[in-house]
Amino acid sequence: TNWRSNPTGSLMDAIEVYGQMPWNNVVHCNLETSGCEVVAEGIRMANGIEISKDGLNVFVVATMDKAVLVYARNNKDNSLDKVASIPTNALCDNLVWDGEGTTYLTFLDDSCVYWRLISHIALYKQLF
């Protein structure tokens, strides 16, 4: 994810961050060709990304939207199609799978107590 599209410290960076502009994107890079392309855009502070175990879905934390965006991934060209937006009720910062099917979210306040993401459960109460 690219959650800042302007040089840090520039006027446009300040407008983007403090204005909470939807200028962030997700980029797919092909290591064989060294080519990169934007596959999702219009995100307000794209600040974490994970791909499902089967590779069919991509999950992106949209911090300022207080949501996790869910994209269907095309295995042939790696394009993404947004299929859902799951509210988190918190300014989430990142997410990670634990390999057992559980999703953990990190967040910037205490309003995200317990929520379910697809078949994965964020276990806030066990962490804190």
Foldseek 3Di string as FASTA:
>chain_A
DFQADDPPPDPVRCCCQVVQWFADFDKDADPVVRDIDTQGGRARRFAEWDADPVRQWIWTQRQVVQWIWIWGADPPPRHTDTDDTGHQQFRWHYWDDPVPQAIATHGDDPPRCWDDDDPHTHHNVVVD
